[in-house]
Amino acid sequence: MTANIVGWAHSPFGKLTDETVESLIVGVARDALDHAGIGPDDVDEIVLGHFNGGFSAQDFTASLVLQADDRLRFKPATRVENACATGSAAVRQGIQAIDSGAARIVLVVGVEQMTTTPGPEIGKNLLKASYLPEDGDTPAGFAGVFGKIAAAYFQRHGDQSDALAYIAAKNHKNGVENPYAQMRKDFGFEFCRTESEKNPFVAGPLKRTDCSLVSDGAAAIVLADDETSKQMRRAVTFRANQHVQDFLPMSKRDILLFEGCSEAWARALKQAGVTLNDLSFVETHDCFTIAELIEYEAMGLAKPGQGAKIALEGQTQKDGRLPVNPSGGLKAKGHPIGATGVSMHALTAMQLMGEAGGIQIKDATLGGIFNMGGAAVANYVSILERIR
């Protein structure tokens, strides 16, 4: 790999009533360039991750990045989309532009504004990331899809409600110290485990605390090639970056195995020449707690059906064997779809530079990222390392 992260920016995630898609893009684009210590003239290419799917009336958004500075005019700018992995798809396109020699510096932005959409429409928009002939009538939208996955997992491996509650409680506790997080409250295990008026069942065995948040937000990173990175203030390199796409219909695969996730991790670890034991932490895609549980197994932390043991033993806590989602994950940080993958890369770079504040993992040297679109359909894994 020749691409390096040399700057980043991150908006707060949440219900941002004073923002628009345009203002969110402009804010992080400007801040990321400033953070990298470069100007708009230095940028060779722009990639925007924006899922949209009906959330925004403005559906041609690549050129909105140019609103950050008139000097960005005439730069190549492309919008990419790959469901909830849209941000990581944008990052990968930026990496490929650098690896091919087409660009020295690429500005990657991810954005979504979801909270201005009425509740029923939110569910309908998100369900577009499923296979509609099979799942288009699923109650509760995409939560219903993962509710079915959770129910099937419980049927095969037993009731894992305790493990899901531990995952939710862990991520909410971690999110308290993340200044960008939408929900900075430590709910504790008992609240997450117990059905209540404030924590009702949403779909199948999934309660409200098992589901990620509807969010607005944006993040940006600046990528530079090796030679250019030598002149920068900071540089975090990609030891690996892999993308694996699986079948969209869940009926064509064993949905409880997340095989695309497994394949992406296997390829990335091989490319980086490391094992899971070498990683200091992982940011993984906990759109629902059952997803994080299955991802423990798919990445190789546990055998199929044994992910609950990893959670209940505290192996993924901040002080555990492999901290998972020290940022609070999508569960606490929020999940503005197009921004999520870019956010993961920005926060991992912060960790490796020792600039992550209260969510900092001590002596972090290697960070892993898993971001997925749909139910383990689009699977992206990055492994990052600080080089300066």
Protein backbone atom coordinates (compact mmCIF):
# COMPACT_ATOMS: atom_id res chain seq x y z
CA MET A 1 0.00 0.00 0.00
CA THR A 2 1.18 3.53 -0.73
CA ALA A 3 -1.70 5.53 0.76
CA ASN A 4 -1.42 7.25 4.13
CA ILE A 5 -3.86 9.24 6.24
CA VAL A 6 -2.27 12.63 6.85
CA GLY A 7 -5.21 14.62 8.19
CA TRP A 8 -8.80 14.26 9.32
CA ALA A 9 -11.90 16.00 10.63
CA HIS A 10 -15.05 14.83 12.38
CA SER A 11 -18.33 16.57 13.12
CA PRO A 12 -20.43 15.68 16.15
CA PHE A 13 -22.94 12.92 15.37
CA GLY A 14 -26.57 13.30 16.38
CA LYS A 15 -29.65 15.32 15.55
CA LEU A 16 -28.00 18.37 14.01
CA THR A 17 -30.93 20.66 13.32
CA ASP A 18 -28.77 23.63 12.32
CA GLU A 19 -26.87 21.67 9.67
CA THR A 20 -27.53 20.57 6.10
CA VAL A 21 -25.81 17.96 3.96
CA GLU A 22 -23.93 20.81 2.33
CA SER A 23 -22.83 22.51 5.54
CA LEU A 24 -21.68 19.19 7.03
CA ILE A 25 -19.59 18.42 3.93
CA VAL A 26 -18.10 21.90 3.79
CA GLY A 27 -17.20 21.93 7.49
CA VAL A 28 -15.26 18.68 7.58
CA ALA A 29 -13.63 19.24 4.17
CA ARG A 30 -12.16 22.55 5.31
CA ASP A 31 -11.12 21.20 8.70
CA ALA A 32 -9.46 18.10 7.24
CA LEU A 33 -7.36 20.17 4.83
CA ASP A 34 -6.35 22.48 7.68
CA HIS A 35 -5.49 19.50 9.87
CA ALA A 36 -3.28 18.07 7.13
CA GLY A 37 -1.59 21.44 6.67
CA ILE A 38 -2.42 21.69 2.97
CA GLY A 39 -4.55 23.91 0.77
CA PRO A 40 -7.25 23.17 -1.81
CA ASP A 41 -4.71 23.59 -4.62
CA ASP A 42 -2.84 20.52 -3.34
CA VAL A 43 -5.83 18.19 -3.76
CA ASP A 44 -5.75 15.99 -6.86
CA GLU A 45 -9.03 14.15 -6.41
CA ILE A 46 -12.17 14.20 -4.24
CA VAL A 47 -14.32 11.23 -3.23
CA LEU A 48 -17.63 11.68 -1.41
CA GLY A 49 -19.43 8.87 0.40
CA HIS A 50 -23.17 9.62 0.57
CA PHE A 51 -25.76 6.85 0.76
CA ASN A 52 -28.84 9.08 0.65
CA GLY A 53 -31.44 6.46 -0.30
CA GLY A 54 -34.14 9.11 -0.02
CA PHE A 55 -32.92 10.94 3.09
CA SER A 56 -31.93 14.08 1.20
CA ALA A 57 -33.77 15.82 -1.64
CA GLN A 58 -30.37 16.83 -3.03
CA ASP A 59 -29.23 13.66 -4.79
CA PHE A 60 -26.26 14.87 -6.85
CA THR A 61 -23.79 15.74 -4.13
CA ALA A 62 -20.21 15.11 -5.30
CA SER A 63 -19.70 18.76 -6.27
CA LEU A 64 -20.90 20.01 -2.89
CA VAL A 65 -17.36 19.36 -1.64
CA LEU A 66 -16.25 22.17 -3.96
CA GLN A 67 -18.33 24.56 -1.84
CA ALA A 68 -15.58 24.32 0.78
CA ASP A 69 -13.29 26.49 -1.36
CA ASP A 70 -13.51 27.88 -4.89
CA ARG A 71 -10.00 26.59 -5.56
CA LEU A 72 -11.42 23.05 -5.59
CA ARG A 73 -13.24 23.89 -8.83
CA PHE A 74 -12.40 21.54 -11.71
CA LYS A 75 -10.95 18.85 -9.42
CA PRO A 76 -12.27 15.36 -10.19
CA ALA A 77 -15.06 14.63 -7.68
CA THR A 78 -17.03 11.39 -7.48
CA ARG A 79 -19.79 10.22 -5.18
CA VAL A 80 -19.77 6.53 -4.22
CA GLU A 81 -22.33 4.35 -2.44
CA ASN A 82 -22.29 0.84 -1.00
CA ALA A 83 -25.07 0.84 1.61
CA CYS A 84 -23.82 1.21 5.20
CA ALA A 85 -20.24 0.69 3.99
CA THR A 86 -20.44 3.78 1.78
CA GLY A 87 -17.77 5.63 3.78
CA SER A 88 -15.27 2.80 3.46
CA ALA A 89 -16.07 2.49 -0.24
CA ALA A 90 -15.07 6.15 -0.58
CA VAL A 91 -11.86 5.53 1.35
CA ARG A 92 -11.01 2.56 -0.87
CA GLN A 93 -11.59 4.57 -4.04
CA GLY A 94 -9.23 7.22 -2.71
CA ILE A 95 -6.60 4.58 -1.95
CA GLN A 96 -6.92 3.17 -5.47
CA ALA A 97 -6.45 6.62 -7.01
CA ILE A 98 -3.17 6.96 -5.12
CA ASP A 99 -2.02 3.39 -5.75
CA SER A 100 -2.60 3.82 -9.49
CA GLY A 101 -0.53 7.00 -9.58
CA ALA A 102 -3.52 9.07 -10.69
CA ALA A 103 -3.34 11.23 -7.55
CA ARG A 104 -0.86 12.26 -4.88
CA ILE A 105 -3.44 13.71 -2.49
CA VAL A 106 -7.10 12.69 -2.20
CA LEU A 107 -9.77 14.31 -0.03
CA VAL A 108 -12.32 11.74 1.18
CA VAL A 109 -15.56 12.94 2.77
CA GLY A 110 -18.48 10.95 4.19
CA VAL A 111 -21.84 12.46 5.07
CA GLU A 112 -25.45 11.67 5.92
CA GLN A 113 -28.42 13.60 7.26
CA MET A 114 -31.12 11.23 8.46
CA THR A 115 -33.03 12.91 11.30
CA THR A 116 -35.05 15.28 9.12
CA THR A 117 -36.83 12.27 7.61
CA PRO A 118 -40.08 11.03 9.22
CA GLY A 119 -39.74 7.77 11.15
CA PRO A 120 -41.65 5.48 8.76
CA GLU A 121 -39.63 6.82 5.83
CA ILE A 122 -36.37 6.14 7.67
CA GLY A 123 -37.25 2.46 7.93
CA LYS A 124 -38.27 2.34 4.27
CA ASN A 125 -35.05 4.04 3.15
CA LEU A 126 -32.84 1.69 5.16
CA LEU A 127 -34.69 -1.39 3.95
CA LYS A 128 -33.47 -0.54 0.44
CA ALA A 129 -30.14 -2.03 1.54
CA SER A 130 -31.77 -5.47 1.77
CA TYR A 131 -32.90 -7.85 -0.99
CA LEU A 132 -36.41 -6.55 -1.55
CA PRO A 133 -37.91 -9.68 -3.20
CA GLU A 134 -37.23 -11.54 0.07
CA ASP A 135 -37.14 -8.85 2.76
CA GLY A 136 -39.07 -5.91 1.32
CA ASP A 137 -42.09 -6.49 3.57
CA THR A 138 -40.10 -6.99 6.78
CA PRO A 139 -41.75 -5.18 9.71
CA ALA A 140 -39.54 -2.64 11.52
CA GLY A 141 -37.36 -2.11 8.46
CA PHE A 142 -33.70 -3.08 8.69
CA ALA A 143 -34.05 -3.68 12.42
CA GLY A 144 -36.50 -6.38 11.42
CA VAL A 145 -33.90 -7.97 9.15
CA PHE A 146 -31.38 -8.17 12.00
CA GLY A 147 -34.15 -9.21 14.36
CA LYS A 148 -34.63 -12.27 12.15
CA ILE A 149 -30.87 -12.88 12.18
CA ALA A 150 -30.81 -12.65 15.98
CA ALA A 151 -33.77 -15.02 16.32
CA ALA A 152 -32.08 -17.55 14.03
CA TYR A 153 -28.82 -17.23 16.00
CA PHE A 154 -30.68 -17.83 19.28
CA GLN A 155 -32.39 -20.87 17.78
CA ARG A 156 -29.05 -22.36 16.70
CA HIS A 157 -26.88 -21.38 19.65
CA GLY A 158 -29.25 -20.61 22.51
CA ASP A 159 -30.54 -17.37 24.02
CA GLN A 160 -27.69 -14.85 23.97
CA SER A 161 -29.56 -11.88 25.46
CA ASP A 162 -26.95 -11.50 28.20
CA ALA A 163 -24.15 -11.20 25.65
CA LEU A 164 -26.06 -8.65 23.57
CA ALA A 165 -26.70 -6.56 26.69
CA TYR A 166 -22.99 -6.72 27.62
CA ILE A 167 -22.06 -5.51 24.14
CA ALA A 168 -24.56 -2.65 24.31
CA ALA A 169 -23.42 -1.65 27.80
CA LYS A 170 -19.75 -1.80 26.79
CA ASN A 171 -20.23 0.44 23.81
CA HIS A 172 -22.37 2.95 25.67
CA LYS A 173 -19.75 3.11 28.44
CA ASN A 174 -17.00 3.69 25.86
CA GLY A 175 -19.03 6.38 24.13
CA VAL A 176 -19.20 8.54 27.25
CA GLU A 177 -15.65 9.76 26.59
CA ASN A 178 -16.10 10.29 22.84
CA PRO A 179 -16.79 14.00 22.19
CA TYR A 180 -18.25 13.18 18.76
CA ALA A 181 -20.71 10.56 20.04
CA GLN A 182 -24.44 11.06 19.75
CA MET A 183 -25.25 9.30 23.03
CA ARG A 184 -22.75 9.83 25.85
CA LYS A 185 -24.47 7.92 28.64
CA ASP A 186 -23.42 4.77 30.51
CA PHE A 187 -26.66 2.76 30.72
CA GLY A 188 -25.14 -0.28 32.41
CA PHE A 189 -25.85 -3.96 31.86
CA GLU A 190 -29.12 -4.20 33.79
CA PHE A 191 -30.83 -1.44 31.82
CA CYS A 192 -29.65 -2.92 28.50
CA ARG A 193 -30.71 -6.43 29.54
CA THR A 194 -34.18 -5.55 30.83
CA GLU A 195 -37.24 -4.83 28.75
CA SER A 196 -38.86 -1.61 29.90
CA GLU A 197 -40.88 1.34 28.69
CA LYS A 198 -37.61 3.07 27.82
CA ASN A 199 -36.06 -0.08 26.38
CA PRO A 200 -38.80 -1.98 24.55
CA PHE A 201 -38.38 -4.82 22.10
CA VAL A 202 -37.98 -3.46 18.58
CA ALA A 203 -37.67 -6.56 16.41
CA GLY A 204 -37.40 -10.19 17.45
CA PRO A 205 -35.12 -10.43 20.50
CA LEU A 206 -33.57 -7.01 19.81
CA LYS A 207 -34.42 -4.19 22.19
CA ARG A 208 -33.87 -0.48 21.63
CA THR A 209 -30.42 -0.68 23.24
CA ASP A 210 -29.46 -3.31 20.67
CA CYS A 211 -29.97 -0.90 17.76
CA SER A 212 -27.71 1.86 16.44
CA LEU A 213 -28.98 5.41 16.25
CA VAL A 214 -30.51 7.48 13.49
CA SER A 215 -27.90 10.20 13.00
CA ASP A 216 -26.65 13.23 11.13
CA GLY A 217 -22.93 13.81 10.72
CA ALA A 218 -19.83 13.95 8.56
CA ALA A 219 -16.17 12.97 8.64
CA ALA A 220 -13.24 13.49 6.30
CA ILE A 221 -9.71 12.19 5.84
CA VAL A 222 -6.86 13.36 3.62
CA LEU A 223 -4.90 10.61 1.87
CA ALA A 224 -1.40 11.12 0.49
CA ASP A 225 1.15 8.91 -1.24
CA ASP A 226 4.34 7.84 0.50
CA GLU A 227 6.57 10.54 -0.93
CA THR A 228 4.14 13.35 -0.15
CA SER A 229 3.51 11.96 3.33
CA LYS A 230 7.17 12.48 4.24
CA GLN A 231 6.52 16.22 4.29
CA MET A 232 3.39 15.98 6.46
CA ARG A 233 2.93 16.57 10.19
CA ARG A 234 1.56 13.06 10.76
CA ALA A 235 1.12 9.88 8.73
CA VAL A 236 -0.88 6.71 9.38
CA THR A 237 -0.40 4.08 6.71
CA PHE A 238 -2.65 1.31 5.40
CA ARG A 239 -0.97 -2.00 6.14
CA ALA A 240 -4.01 -3.53 4.46
CA ASN A 241 -7.27 -2.57 2.81
CA GLN A 242 -9.63 -5.22 1.48
CA HIS A 243 -13.12 -5.29 0.02
CA VAL A 244 -15.22 -8.44 -0.31
CA GLN A 245 -18.75 -8.38 -1.79
CA ASP A 246 -21.17 -11.22 -1.02
CA PHE A 247 -24.59 -12.24 -2.35
CA LEU A 248 -27.41 -9.83 -1.55
CA PRO A 249 -30.12 -12.48 -0.87
CA MET A 250 -29.65 -13.97 2.58
CA SER A 251 -31.20 -17.19 1.23
CA LYS A 252 -28.04 -17.81 -0.83
CA ARG A 253 -25.75 -18.05 2.22
CA ASP A 254 -25.58 -19.02 5.88
CA ILE A 255 -26.38 -15.60 7.28
CA LEU A 256 -25.16 -16.55 10.77
CA LEU A 257 -21.58 -16.96 9.54
CA PHE A 258 -20.96 -13.52 7.95
CA GLU A 259 -18.68 -15.26 5.46
CA GLY A 260 -17.88 -12.04 3.58
CA CYS A 261 -16.62 -10.54 6.84
CA SER A 262 -14.46 -13.62 7.46
CA GLU A 263 -12.99 -13.48 3.97
CA ALA A 264 -12.26 -9.74 4.20
CA TRP A 265 -10.48 -10.18 7.53
CA ALA A 266 -8.48 -13.17 6.28
CA ARG A 267 -7.30 -11.25 3.22
CA ALA A 268 -6.45 -8.14 5.22
CA LEU A 269 -4.48 -9.99 7.89
CA LYS A 270 -2.55 -11.84 5.19
CA GLN A 271 -1.86 -8.61 3.31
CA ALA A 272 -0.64 -6.90 6.49
CA GLY A 273 1.39 -9.92 7.58
CA VAL A 274 -0.15 -9.88 11.07
CA THR A 275 -2.62 -11.83 13.21
CA LEU A 276 -5.53 -10.66 15.35
CA ASN A 277 -3.22 -10.93 18.36
CA ASP A 278 -1.06 -8.17 16.89
CA LEU A 279 -3.91 -5.66 16.80
CA SER A 280 -4.23 -3.07 19.57
CA PHE A 281 -7.96 -2.52 19.01
CA VAL A 282 -10.75 -2.89 16.46
CA GLU A 283 -13.54 -0.59 15.35
CA THR A 284 -16.29 -2.87 14.05
CA HIS A 285 -19.74 -2.39 12.55
CA ASP A 286 -22.22 -2.79 15.41
CA CYS A 287 -25.32 -1.56 13.58
CA PHE A 288 -27.05 -4.02 15.92
CA THR A 289 -25.48 -5.85 18.86
CA ILE A 290 -26.07 -9.21 17.17
CA ALA A 291 -23.85 -7.97 14.33
CA GLU A 292 -20.93 -7.31 16.70
CA LEU A 293 -21.44 -10.72 18.31
CA ILE A 294 -21.32 -12.54 14.96
CA GLU A 295 -18.36 -10.40 13.87
CA TYR A 296 -16.33 -11.71 16.85
CA GLU A 297 -16.72 -15.15 15.29
CA ALA A 298 -16.26 -14.03 11.69
CA MET A 299 -12.98 -12.25 12.43
CA GLY A 300 -11.65 -15.27 14.29
CA LEU A 301 -11.86 -14.15 17.92
CA ALA A 302 -14.18 -17.07 18.63
CA LYS A 303 -15.52 -20.19 16.97
CA PRO A 304 -19.07 -20.11 15.54
CA GLY A 305 -21.56 -19.97 18.39
CA GLN A 306 -18.88 -18.97 20.93
CA GLY A 307 -18.96 -15.19 20.50
CA ALA A 308 -20.98 -14.73 23.69
CA LYS A 309 -18.09 -16.12 25.73
CA ILE A 310 -15.81 -13.40 24.35
CA ALA A 311 -18.31 -10.71 25.33
CA LEU A 312 -19.21 -12.05 28.77
CA GLU A 313 -15.57 -12.57 29.78
CA GLY A 314 -14.81 -8.92 28.98
CA GLN A 315 -12.25 -9.78 26.30
CA THR A 316 -13.45 -6.88 24.12
CA GLN A 317 -13.57 -4.25 26.87
CA LYS A 318 -11.11 -1.35 26.68
CA ASP A 319 -8.76 -3.22 29.02
CA GLY A 320 -9.44 -6.64 27.51
CA ARG A 321 -7.59 -8.97 25.16
CA LEU A 322 -8.73 -7.01 22.09
CA PRO A 323 -10.66 -3.79 22.74
CA VAL A 324 -13.58 -3.53 20.31
CA ASN A 325 -15.26 -0.20 19.58
CA PRO A 326 -13.40 2.01 22.07
CA SER A 327 -15.18 4.89 20.31
CA GLY A 328 -18.55 3.57 21.45
CA GLY A 329 -19.20 2.13 18.02
CA LEU A 330 -22.26 2.84 15.94
CA LYS A 331 -24.30 1.95 19.04
CA ALA A 332 -23.25 5.04 21.00
CA LYS A 333 -21.44 7.19 18.44
CA GLY A 334 -24.28 7.09 15.94
CA HIS A 335 -24.56 5.83 12.38
CA PRO A 336 -24.95 8.55 9.73
CA ILE A 337 -24.57 6.00 6.97
CA GLY A 338 -22.27 7.69 4.46
CA ALA A 339 -20.05 9.07 7.22
CA THR A 340 -19.59 5.89 9.26
CA GLY A 341 -16.70 4.28 7.38
CA VAL A 342 -14.79 7.56 7.10
CA SER A 343 -15.38 8.16 10.82
CA MET A 344 -13.93 4.73 11.63
CA HIS A 345 -10.77 5.55 9.72
CA ALA A 346 -10.45 9.01 11.27
CA LEU A 347 -10.92 7.72 14.82
CA THR A 348 -8.48 4.86 14.26
CA ALA A 349 -5.89 7.32 12.98
CA MET A 350 -6.46 9.44 16.10
CA GLN A 351 -5.86 6.37 18.28
CA LEU A 352 -2.62 5.49 16.53
CA MET A 353 -1.36 9.07 16.80
CA GLY A 354 -2.19 9.13 20.53
CA GLU A 355 -4.71 11.91 19.92
CA ALA A 356 -7.94 10.12 20.91
CA GLY A 357 -8.43 11.75 24.31
CA GLY A 358 -10.69 9.85 26.71
CA ILE A 359 -11.21 6.93 24.33
CA GLN A 360 -7.47 6.43 23.85
CA ILE A 361 -6.12 2.85 23.96
CA LYS A 362 -2.73 2.92 25.68
CA ASP A 363 0.27 2.29 23.40
CA ALA A 364 -1.90 1.54 20.35
CA THR A 365 0.24 0.47 17.40
CA LEU A 366 -2.09 -1.38 14.99
CA GLY A 367 -5.79 -0.68 14.50
CA GLY A 368 -8.31 -2.83 12.65
CA ILE A 369 -11.53 -1.60 11.04
CA PHE A 370 -14.53 -3.56 9.80
CA ASN A 371 -17.37 -1.73 8.05
CA MET A 372 -20.19 -3.54 6.29
CA GLY A 373 -23.11 -2.70 4.03
CA GLY A 374 -26.34 -4.62 4.30
CA ALA A 375 -26.29 -7.90 6.20
CA ALA A 376 -22.58 -8.65 5.61
CA VAL A 377 -22.95 -8.00 1.86
CA ALA A 378 -20.36 -5.24 1.38
CA ASN A 379 -17.40 -6.01 3.64
CA TYR A 380 -14.40 -3.70 4.11
CA VAL A 381 -11.40 -4.28 6.38
CA SER A 382 -8.51 -1.87 6.92
CA ILE A 383 -5.44 -2.33 9.12
CA LEU A 384 -3.70 0.91 10.01
CA GLU A 385 -0.30 1.69 11.52
CA ARG A 386 1.37 4.95 12.46
CA ILE A 387 4.54 5.64 10.52
CA ARG A 388 5.21 9.15 11.84
